[in-house]
Amino acid sequence: MITHIKIILQAIYQDFSALSRNGLAKEILSTTPSKVSYNSIVKEIGVNHRTVEECIKLFNDMFLTLTLHFIDVNTRYFNYRKQIKIHFIDPLFYDVVSFWN
């Protein structure tokens, strides 16, 4: 059981260490759970817009975070032009990522 946890944490660490170089992990930690836009993250850390989207998608695919989009009550559809919220799924992941940064 412990070895499985170590393997999972090592995999997360390897992916996160590459992303910590550009400051994305630190920016996500500082904005969680507030509303944020991709453009504000791009301006803050100075990387490509596509890079930010791919990294956040990677976090979602790794089940570390959950990205919540704005839902328009009148139309009942997502409004992708509005700000998003990024939540860590488990407080353990938040603590581990904040420890690494």
N, C-alpha and C. Protein backbone atom coordinates (compact mmCIF):
# COMPACT_ATOMS: atom_id res chain seq x y z
N MET A 1 0.82 -1.20 0.00
CA MET A 1 0.00 0.00 0.00
C MET A 1 0.86 1.26 0.00
N ILE A 2 1.89 1.27 0.83
CA ILE A 2 2.77 2.43 0.91
C ILE A 2 3.52 2.62 -0.40
N THR A 3 3.93 1.52 -1.03
CA THR A 3 4.67 1.65 -2.29
C THR A 3 3.79 2.24 -3.38
N HIS A 4 2.50 1.94 -3.38
CA HIS A 4 1.60 2.52 -4.37
C HIS A 4 1.49 4.03 -4.17
N ILE A 5 1.41 4.46 -2.94
CA ILE A 5 1.34 5.89 -2.65
C ILE A 5 2.63 6.58 -3.08
N LYS A 6 3.77 5.95 -2.82
CA LYS A 6 5.04 6.53 -3.24
C LYS A 6 5.12 6.66 -4.75
N ILE A 7 4.67 5.65 -5.47
CA ILE A 7 4.70 5.68 -6.93
C ILE A 7 3.82 6.80 -7.46
N ILE A 8 2.63 6.94 -6.88
CA ILE A 8 1.71 8.00 -7.32
C ILE A 8 2.31 9.37 -7.04
N LEU A 9 2.87 9.56 -5.85
CA LEU A 9 3.46 10.85 -5.50
C LEU A 9 4.69 11.16 -6.35
N GLN A 10 5.47 10.16 -6.69
CA GLN A 10 6.63 10.38 -7.55
C GLN A 10 6.19 10.80 -8.96
N ALA A 11 5.13 10.17 -9.47
CA ALA A 11 4.62 10.53 -10.79
C ALA A 11 4.09 11.96 -10.80
N ILE A 12 3.37 12.31 -9.76
CA ILE A 12 2.85 13.68 -9.65
C ILE A 12 4.00 14.65 -9.53
N TYR A 13 5.01 14.30 -8.75
CA TYR A 13 6.15 15.20 -8.56
C TYR A 13 6.91 15.43 -9.87
N GLN A 14 7.10 14.37 -10.66
CA GLN A 14 7.82 14.53 -11.92
C GLN A 14 7.08 15.47 -12.86
N ASP A 15 5.76 15.32 -12.96
CA ASP A 15 5.00 16.21 -13.82
C ASP A 15 4.98 17.63 -13.26
N PHE A 16 4.87 17.74 -11.96
CA PHE A 16 4.78 19.05 -11.34
C PHE A 16 6.11 19.79 -11.33
N SER A 17 7.21 19.07 -11.25
CA SER A 17 8.50 19.75 -11.23
C SER A 17 8.76 20.46 -12.55
N ALA A 18 8.30 19.87 -13.65
CA ALA A 18 8.45 20.54 -14.95
C ALA A 18 7.57 21.78 -15.02
N LEU A 19 6.41 21.73 -14.41
CA LEU A 19 5.49 22.86 -14.45
C LEU A 19 5.84 23.93 -13.43
N SER A 20 6.56 23.57 -12.40
CA SER A 20 6.93 24.55 -11.39
C SER A 20 7.98 25.52 -11.90
N ARG A 21 8.71 25.11 -12.92
CA ARG A 21 9.74 25.99 -13.46
C ARG A 21 9.15 27.27 -14.03
N ASN A 22 7.99 27.17 -14.67
CA ASN A 22 7.40 28.37 -15.27
C ASN A 22 6.46 29.10 -14.31
N GLY A 23 6.27 28.59 -13.10
CA GLY A 23 5.49 29.28 -12.10
C GLY A 23 4.00 28.99 -12.13
N LEU A 24 3.57 28.08 -12.99
CA LEU A 24 2.14 27.79 -13.11
C LEU A 24 1.57 27.17 -11.85
N ALA A 25 2.30 26.23 -11.26
CA ALA A 25 1.80 25.58 -10.05
C ALA A 25 1.62 26.58 -8.93
N LYS A 26 2.56 27.48 -8.79
CA LYS A 26 2.48 28.50 -7.73
C LYS A 26 1.29 29.43 -7.98
N GLU A 27 1.06 29.77 -9.23
CA GLU A 27 -0.06 30.66 -9.57
C GLU A 27 -1.40 29.97 -9.30
N ILE A 28 -1.50 28.69 -9.61
CA ILE A 28 -2.74 27.96 -9.33
C ILE A 28 -2.98 27.88 -7.83
N LEU A 29 -1.92 27.64 -7.07
CA LEU A 29 -2.07 27.57 -5.62
C LEU A 29 -2.54 28.91 -5.05
N SER A 30 -2.04 30.00 -5.61
CA SER A 30 -2.40 31.31 -5.06
C SER A 30 -3.81 31.73 -5.45
N THR A 31 -4.34 31.20 -6.54
CA THR A 31 -5.68 31.61 -6.98
C THR A 31 -6.78 30.65 -6.54
N THR A 32 -6.42 29.47 -6.08
CA THR A 32 -7.44 28.50 -5.67
C THR A 32 -8.14 28.97 -4.41
N PRO A 33 -9.41 28.93 -4.27
CA PRO A 33 -10.51 28.60 -5.18
C PRO A 33 -11.17 29.84 -5.77
N SER A 34 -10.46 30.92 -5.93
CA SER A 34 -11.04 32.14 -6.48
C SER A 34 -11.25 32.01 -7.99
N LYS A 35 -12.03 32.95 -8.53
CA LYS A 35 -12.23 32.99 -9.97
C LYS A 35 -10.95 33.50 -10.62
N VAL A 36 -10.63 32.90 -11.75
CA VAL A 36 -9.42 33.27 -12.48
C VAL A 36 -9.67 33.03 -13.96
N SER A 37 -8.97 33.77 -14.78
CA SER A 37 -9.06 33.54 -16.23
C SER A 37 -7.72 33.06 -16.74
N TYR A 38 -7.75 32.40 -17.88
CA TYR A 38 -6.50 31.96 -18.49
C TYR A 38 -5.61 33.15 -18.81
N ASN A 39 -6.22 34.24 -19.24
CA ASN A 39 -5.44 35.43 -19.60
C ASN A 39 -4.72 36.02 -18.41
N SER A 40 -5.35 36.01 -17.24
CA SER A 40 -4.68 36.57 -16.06
C SER A 40 -3.49 35.70 -15.65
N ILE A 41 -3.61 34.39 -15.81
CA ILE A 41 -2.48 33.51 -15.51
C ILE A 41 -1.35 33.74 -16.50
N VAL A 42 -1.72 33.90 -17.78
CA VAL A 42 -0.72 34.15 -18.82
C VAL A 42 0.04 35.44 -18.51
N LYS A 43 -0.68 36.49 -18.14
CA LYS A 43 -0.03 37.76 -17.84
C LYS A 43 0.85 37.67 -16.60
N GLU A 44 0.42 36.89 -15.63
CA GLU A 44 1.17 36.80 -14.37
C GLU A 44 2.49 36.05 -14.53
N ILE A 45 2.47 34.93 -15.26
CA ILE A 45 3.69 34.12 -15.34
C ILE A 45 4.42 34.27 -16.67
N GLY A 46 3.77 34.86 -17.67
CA GLY A 46 4.45 35.16 -18.91
C GLY A 46 4.73 33.97 -19.81
N VAL A 47 3.81 33.03 -19.87
CA VAL A 47 3.96 31.91 -20.80
C VAL A 47 2.84 31.95 -21.83
N ASN A 48 2.88 31.04 -22.75
CA ASN A 48 1.90 30.96 -23.82
C ASN A 48 0.53 30.56 -23.28
N HIS A 49 -0.53 31.09 -23.89
CA HIS A 49 -1.90 30.78 -23.50
C HIS A 49 -2.18 29.29 -23.64
N ARG A 50 -1.70 28.70 -24.70
CA ARG A 50 -1.92 27.27 -24.95
C ARG A 50 -1.22 26.42 -23.89
N THR A 51 -0.06 26.85 -23.45
CA THR A 51 0.67 26.13 -22.41
C THR A 51 -0.13 26.08 -21.12
N VAL A 52 -0.73 27.20 -20.76
CA VAL A 52 -1.54 27.25 -19.54
C VAL A 52 -2.73 26.31 -19.66
N GLU A 53 -3.42 26.34 -20.79
CA GLU A 53 -4.57 25.46 -20.98
C GLU A 53 -4.17 23.99 -20.91
N GLU A 54 -3.06 23.64 -21.55
CA GLU A 54 -2.61 22.25 -21.55
C GLU A 54 -2.20 21.79 -20.16
N CYS A 55 -1.55 22.67 -19.39
CA CYS A 55 -1.13 22.30 -18.04
C CYS A 55 -2.33 22.10 -17.12
N ILE A 56 -3.31 22.98 -17.24
CA ILE A 56 -4.51 22.82 -16.41
C ILE A 56 -5.26 21.58 -16.82
N LYS A 57 -5.29 21.27 -18.11
CA LYS A 57 -5.92 20.03 -18.58
C LYS A 57 -5.17 18.82 -18.03
N LEU A 58 -3.84 18.92 -17.98
CA LEU A 58 -3.04 17.83 -17.42
C LEU A 58 -3.39 17.61 -15.95
N PHE A 59 -3.52 18.70 -15.19
CA PHE A 59 -3.91 18.58 -13.79
C PHE A 59 -5.28 17.90 -13.66
N ASN A 60 -6.20 18.27 -14.53
CA ASN A 60 -7.53 17.66 -14.50
C ASN A 60 -7.47 16.19 -14.88
N ASP A 61 -6.66 15.85 -15.88
CA ASP A 61 -6.53 14.46 -16.31
C ASP A 61 -5.85 13.59 -15.26
N MET A 62 -4.99 14.21 -14.44
CA MET A 62 -4.33 13.47 -13.36
C MET A 62 -5.21 13.40 -12.12
N PHE A 63 -6.41 13.95 -12.20
CA PHE A 63 -7.36 13.99 -11.08
C PHE A 63 -6.80 14.74 -9.87
N LEU A 64 -5.96 15.75 -10.14
CA LEU A 64 -5.47 16.62 -9.08
C LEU A 64 -6.42 17.78 -8.87
N THR A 65 -6.90 18.34 -9.98
CA THR A 65 -7.77 19.50 -9.91
C THR A 65 -9.06 19.24 -10.67
N LEU A 66 -10.00 20.14 -10.44
CA LEU A 66 -11.26 20.14 -11.16
C LEU A 66 -11.51 21.58 -11.60
N THR A 67 -11.71 21.77 -12.89
CA THR A 67 -11.96 23.10 -13.43
C THR A 67 -13.46 23.29 -13.61
N LEU A 68 -13.98 24.33 -12.99
CA LEU A 68 -15.41 24.63 -13.07
C LEU A 68 -15.62 25.85 -13.94
N HIS A 69 -16.45 25.69 -14.96
CA HIS A 69 -16.77 26.79 -15.86
C HIS A 69 -18.09 27.42 -15.44
N PHE A 70 -18.27 28.66 -15.84
CA PHE A 70 -19.49 29.40 -15.52
C PHE A 70 -20.65 28.84 -16.33
N ILE A 71 -21.78 28.62 -15.67
CA ILE A 71 -22.99 28.16 -16.35
C ILE A 71 -24.00 29.29 -16.32
N ASP A 72 -24.45 29.67 -17.51
CA ASP A 72 -25.46 30.72 -17.63
C ASP A 72 -26.81 30.13 -17.23
N VAL A 73 -27.46 30.75 -16.26
CA VAL A 73 -28.71 30.22 -15.73
C VAL A 73 -29.82 30.29 -16.77
N ASN A 74 -29.83 31.32 -17.60
CA ASN A 74 -30.90 31.48 -18.58
C ASN A 74 -30.80 30.47 -19.71
N THR A 75 -29.62 30.22 -20.20
CA THR A 75 -29.46 29.30 -21.33
C THR A 75 -29.10 27.89 -20.90
N ARG A 76 -28.63 27.73 -19.67
CA ARG A 76 -28.20 26.45 -19.12
C ARG A 76 -27.04 25.83 -19.88
N TYR A 77 -26.18 26.67 -20.41
CA TYR A 77 -24.98 26.23 -21.11
C TYR A 77 -23.75 26.87 -20.47
N PHE A 78 -22.61 26.22 -20.69
CA PHE A 78 -21.36 26.80 -20.23
C PHE A 78 -21.06 28.08 -20.99
N ASN A 79 -20.54 29.05 -20.28
CA ASN A 79 -20.07 30.27 -20.91
C ASN A 79 -18.55 30.28 -20.75
N TYR A 80 -17.84 29.90 -21.80
CA TYR A 80 -16.39 29.75 -21.73
C TYR A 80 -15.65 31.08 -21.73
N ARG A 81 -16.35 32.17 -21.98
CA ARG A 81 -15.71 33.48 -21.95
C ARG A 81 -15.59 34.03 -20.53
N LYS A 82 -16.33 33.47 -19.62
CA LYS A 82 -16.27 33.91 -18.22
C LYS A 82 -15.09 33.25 -17.52
N GLN A 83 -14.83 33.72 -16.31
CA GLN A 83 -13.73 33.18 -15.53
C GLN A 83 -14.05 31.77 -15.05
N ILE A 84 -13.00 31.03 -14.71
CA ILE A 84 -13.14 29.66 -14.22
C ILE A 84 -12.70 29.60 -12.76
N LYS A 85 -13.03 28.48 -12.13
CA LYS A 85 -12.51 28.19 -10.79
C LYS A 85 -11.76 26.88 -10.87
N ILE A 86 -10.60 26.85 -10.25
CA ILE A 86 -9.80 25.63 -10.21
C ILE A 86 -9.75 25.15 -8.77
N HIS A 87 -10.23 23.94 -8.56
CA HIS A 87 -10.26 23.35 -7.21
C HIS A 87 -9.41 22.10 -7.18
N PHE A 88 -8.67 21.94 -6.11
CA PHE A 88 -7.98 20.67 -5.89
C PHE A 88 -9.00 19.67 -5.38
N ILE A 89 -8.97 18.46 -5.93
CA ILE A 89 -9.96 17.45 -5.59
C ILE A 89 -9.78 16.97 -4.16
N ASP A 90 -8.55 16.82 -3.74
CA ASP A 90 -8.26 16.31 -2.40
C ASP A 90 -7.34 17.30 -1.68
N PRO A 91 -7.62 17.61 -0.42
CA PRO A 91 -6.74 18.51 0.32
C PRO A 91 -5.30 17.99 0.41
N LEU A 92 -5.11 16.68 0.35
CA LEU A 92 -3.77 16.11 0.37
C LEU A 92 -2.97 16.60 -0.83
N PHE A 93 -3.59 16.63 -2.01
CA PHE A 93 -2.90 17.11 -3.20
C PHE A 93 -2.51 18.57 -3.05
N TYR A 94 -3.39 19.36 -2.49
CA TYR A 94 -3.09 20.77 -2.26
C TYR A 94 -1.90 20.92 -1.32
N ASP A 95 -1.88 20.15 -0.25
CA ASP A 95 -0.78 20.22 0.70
C ASP A 95 0.54 19.77 0.07
N VAL A 96 0.48 18.69 -0.71
CA VAL A 96 1.70 18.17 -1.35
C VAL A 96 2.24 19.19 -2.35
N VAL A 97 1.37 19.75 -3.17
CA VAL A 97 1.81 20.72 -4.17
C VAL A 97 2.34 21.99 -3.51
N SER A 98 1.69 22.44 -2.45
CA SER A 98 2.18 23.63 -1.76
C SER A 98 3.51 23.34 -1.06
N PHE A 99 3.72 22.13 -0.60
CA PHE A 99 5.01 21.76 0.01
C PHE A 99 6.11 21.79 -1.04
N TRP A 100 5.83 21.31 -2.25
CA TRP A 100 6.84 21.29 -3.31
C TRP A 100 7.16 22.69 -3.79
N ASN A 101 6.23 23.62 -3.65
CA ASN A 101 6.49 24.98 -4.12
C ASN A 101 6.94 25.84 -2.97
